[in-house]
Protein backbone atom coordinates (compact mmCIF):
# COMPACT_ATOMS: atom_id res chain seq x y z
CA UNK A 1 101.86 81.83 101.65
CA UNK A 2 100.15 84.88 100.11
CA UNK A 3 99.94 86.54 103.52
CA UNK A 4 103.64 85.92 104.15
CA UNK A 5 104.56 87.39 100.75
CA UNK A 6 102.63 90.59 101.48
CA UNK A 7 104.11 90.96 104.96
CA UNK A 8 107.63 90.26 103.68
CA UNK A 9 107.30 92.73 100.79
CA UNK A 10 105.98 95.41 103.16
CA UNK A 11 108.96 94.75 105.44
CA UNK A 12 111.37 95.16 102.53
CA UNK A 13 109.67 98.38 101.45
CA UNK A 14 109.91 99.72 105.01
CA UNK A 15 113.60 98.84 105.36
CA UNK A 16 114.39 100.19 101.90
CA UNK A 17 112.64 103.48 102.51
CA UNK A 18 114.41 103.99 105.83
CA UNK A 19 117.79 103.31 104.28
CA UNK A 20 117.03 105.14 101.03
CA UNK A 21 116.28 108.35 102.91
CA UNK A 22 114.44 110.15 100.11
CA UNK A 23 112.15 112.74 101.68
CA UNK A 24 112.86 113.25 105.42
CA UNK A 25 110.24 111.51 107.57
CA UNK A 26 108.46 110.03 104.53
CA UNK A 27 108.48 106.37 105.49
CA UNK A 28 106.07 103.45 105.72
CA UNK A 29 107.35 102.55 109.22
CA UNK A 30 104.31 103.85 111.11
CA UNK A 31 101.89 102.30 108.61
CA UNK A 32 103.77 99.00 108.86
CA UNK A 33 103.49 99.17 112.66
CA UNK A 34 99.71 99.58 112.42
CA UNK A 35 99.52 96.82 109.79
CA UNK A 36 101.68 94.39 111.79
CA UNK A 37 99.54 94.91 114.87
CA UNK A 38 96.40 94.29 112.86
CA UNK A 39 97.37 91.30 110.71
CA UNK A 40 100.25 89.36 112.23
CA UNK A 41 98.53 86.81 114.48
CA UNK A 42 101.45 86.27 116.87
CA UNK A 43 101.32 89.31 119.18
CA UNK A 44 105.04 89.15 120.01
CA UNK A 45 106.00 89.15 116.34
CA UNK A 46 103.40 91.82 115.56
CA UNK A 47 104.78 94.21 118.15
CA UNK A 48 108.48 93.45 117.90
CA UNK A 49 108.90 93.11 114.12
CA UNK A 50 108.49 96.87 113.52
CA UNK A 51 110.90 97.50 116.40
CA UNK A 52 113.38 95.06 114.86
CA UNK A 53 113.19 96.89 111.53
CA UNK A 54 113.70 100.19 113.31
CA UNK A 55 116.64 98.88 115.34
CA UNK A 56 118.29 97.22 112.34
CA UNK A 57 118.08 100.36 110.25
CA UNK A 58 119.15 102.55 113.19
CA UNK A 59 122.33 100.49 113.47
CA UNK A 60 123.14 101.67 109.96
CA UNK A 61 121.74 105.21 110.25
CA UNK A 62 123.04 105.92 113.73
CA UNK A 63 122.13 105.65 117.39
CA UNK A 64 120.71 108.75 119.10
CA UNK A 65 119.60 109.90 122.52
CA UNK A 66 115.89 109.96 121.71
CA UNK A 67 115.61 106.36 120.54
CA UNK A 68 113.47 105.31 123.50
CA UNK A 69 110.77 107.79 122.50
CA UNK A 70 110.85 106.68 118.88
CA UNK A 71 110.69 102.99 119.78
CA UNK A 72 107.96 103.56 122.33
CA UNK A 73 105.86 105.38 119.69
CA UNK A 74 106.30 102.57 117.16
CA UNK A 75 105.37 100.00 119.80
CA UNK A 76 102.21 101.94 120.69
CA UNK A 77 101.22 102.07 117.02
CA UNK A 78 101.50 98.29 116.70
CA UNK A 79 99.26 97.96 119.76
CA UNK A 80 96.85 100.41 118.13
CA UNK A 81 96.87 98.26 115.00
CA UNK A 82 95.85 95.23 117.03
CA UNK A 83 92.86 97.19 118.34
CA UNK A 84 91.65 98.44 114.98
CA UNK A 85 90.76 95.16 113.32
CA UNK A 86 90.62 91.42 113.65
CA UNK A 87 92.82 89.39 111.32
CA UNK A 88 89.85 88.41 109.18
CA UNK A 89 88.49 91.93 108.61
CA UNK A 90 89.71 95.06 106.95
CA UNK A 91 89.08 98.45 108.52
CA UNK A 92 86.88 101.04 106.85
CA UNK A 93 88.43 103.97 105.00
CA UNK A 94 87.27 106.20 107.82
CA UNK A 95 88.69 103.95 110.55
CA UNK A 96 92.00 103.51 108.77
CA UNK A 97 92.32 107.23 108.08
CA UNK A 98 91.58 108.02 111.72
CA UNK A 99 94.12 105.44 112.89
CA UNK A 100 96.83 106.73 110.54
CA UNK A 101 96.26 110.35 111.51
CA UNK A 102 96.11 109.65 115.24
CA UNK A 103 99.20 107.42 114.97
CA UNK A 104 101.09 110.22 113.23
CA UNK A 105 100.02 112.72 115.88
CA UNK A 106 101.06 110.31 118.64
CA UNK A 107 104.45 109.73 117.01
CA UNK A 108 105.02 113.46 116.50
CA UNK A 109 104.02 114.30 120.06
CA UNK A 110 106.11 111.63 121.75
CA UNK A 111 109.25 111.93 119.63
CA UNK A 112 109.38 115.72 119.76
CA UNK A 113 108.84 115.59 123.50
CA UNK A 114 111.85 113.26 123.58
CA UNK A 115 113.97 115.75 121.64
CA UNK A 116 113.02 118.47 124.09
CA UNK A 117 113.58 116.29 127.18
CA UNK A 118 116.80 114.52 126.15
CA UNK A 119 118.77 117.19 124.32
CA UNK A 120 119.98 120.69 125.07
CA UNK A 121 118.59 122.10 121.82
CA UNK A 122 115.70 123.77 123.65
CA UNK A 123 115.40 125.19 127.15
CA UNK A 124 113.53 122.89 129.50
CA UNK A 125 110.66 125.29 129.90
CA UNK A 126 107.10 125.41 128.56
CA UNK A 127 108.20 127.84 125.83
CA UNK A 128 111.13 125.56 124.99
CA UNK A 129 108.76 122.62 124.55
CA UNK A 130 106.50 124.68 122.30
CA UNK A 131 109.54 125.83 120.29
CA UNK A 132 110.55 122.18 119.86
CA UNK A 133 107.11 121.27 118.51
CA UNK A 134 107.15 124.28 116.23
CA UNK A 135 110.57 123.35 114.86
CA UNK A 136 109.40 119.79 114.25
CA UNK A 137 106.16 120.76 112.52
CA UNK A 138 107.60 120.98 108.97
CA UNK A 139 108.56 117.31 109.22
CA UNK A 140 105.08 116.34 110.37
CA UNK A 141 103.55 116.84 106.93
CA UNK A 142 105.73 114.08 105.45
CA UNK A 143 105.05 111.80 108.44
CA UNK A 144 101.30 112.27 108.16
CA UNK A 145 101.20 111.92 104.36
CA UNK A 146 103.34 108.78 104.28
CA UNK A 147 101.48 107.14 107.15
CA UNK A 148 98.09 107.68 105.53
CA UNK A 149 99.22 106.67 102.02
CA UNK A 150 101.16 103.58 103.11
CA UNK A 151 98.35 102.54 105.46
CA UNK A 152 95.94 102.54 102.51
CA UNK A 153 98.44 100.63 100.40
CA UNK A 154 99.25 98.05 103.08
CA UNK A 155 95.76 97.40 104.44
CA UNK A 156 93.73 97.54 101.26
CA UNK A 157 96.45 95.97 99.09
CA UNK A 158 96.69 93.09 101.53
CA UNK A 159 92.91 92.64 101.67
CA UNK A 160 92.61 92.65 97.87
CA UNK A 161 95.57 90.31 97.44
CA UNK A 162 94.31 87.79 99.97
CA UNK A 163 90.79 87.93 98.48
CA UNK A 164 92.21 87.42 94.99
CA UNK A 165 94.26 84.41 96.17
CA UNK A 166 91.20 82.87 97.84
CA UNK A 167 89.10 83.43 94.71
CA UNK A 168 91.84 81.87 92.57
CA UNK A 169 91.93 78.80 94.79
CA UNK A 170 88.16 78.48 94.66
CA UNK A 171 88.22 78.85 90.87
CA UNK A 172 90.88 76.18 90.44
CA UNK A 173 88.97 73.86 92.78
CA UNK A 174 85.86 74.31 90.64
CA UNK A 175 87.80 73.53 87.45
CA UNK A 176 89.32 70.37 88.87
CA UNK A 177 85.96 68.89 89.86
C-alpha cells in the first residue's frame, strides 16, 4: 500500500506540474519515467504509465507534430529506468545523477531533432539542425534541473518511505508479541 501511495502521489505531481505550466520545461515527467521503469514491477505499466500521463495532459495542452519524438524519448527513459536498478534496490547518488543527466540529454536531442525534422521553422540542412539545437538550449537548463531534482525526490523519497513503513511494521510486530 505504501508503494502504491508513493507512485500515485508522484503521478499526481507529474500531471499537476504539466498542467500548471509554471516554468517552461520544468517538470517531473522525465524523472517519473525513470522511476516508473525502475520500481513498477509490471513492465507494461512501467513503460506505458508515463506515456498515458503525457497523452492525457497533451489532450488538454494540445496535440503537435513532434509528439512521436516526445513520446519515444519518454518511453526510452522508462526503459533506462528499468536498467538502472532492481525493484529492491535504490541507485547510488552517482548512478541516479548520471541517469538523470543522460536522460535529459537524450530527451533534448531527440525532441529538438523532431522539431527540426517535422516543422518548417529551420532549414533542413546541417546548419538548420544546429540552429534548432541552439534555439532549444535555453529550455534545456530547466529540463536538466527538474529531472535531476525530481529524480532525487522520487527515488530517495520512495526508498526512505518504504524503509520507514517496513520499520514501522517490524516495530508494531515486536510490540504485539
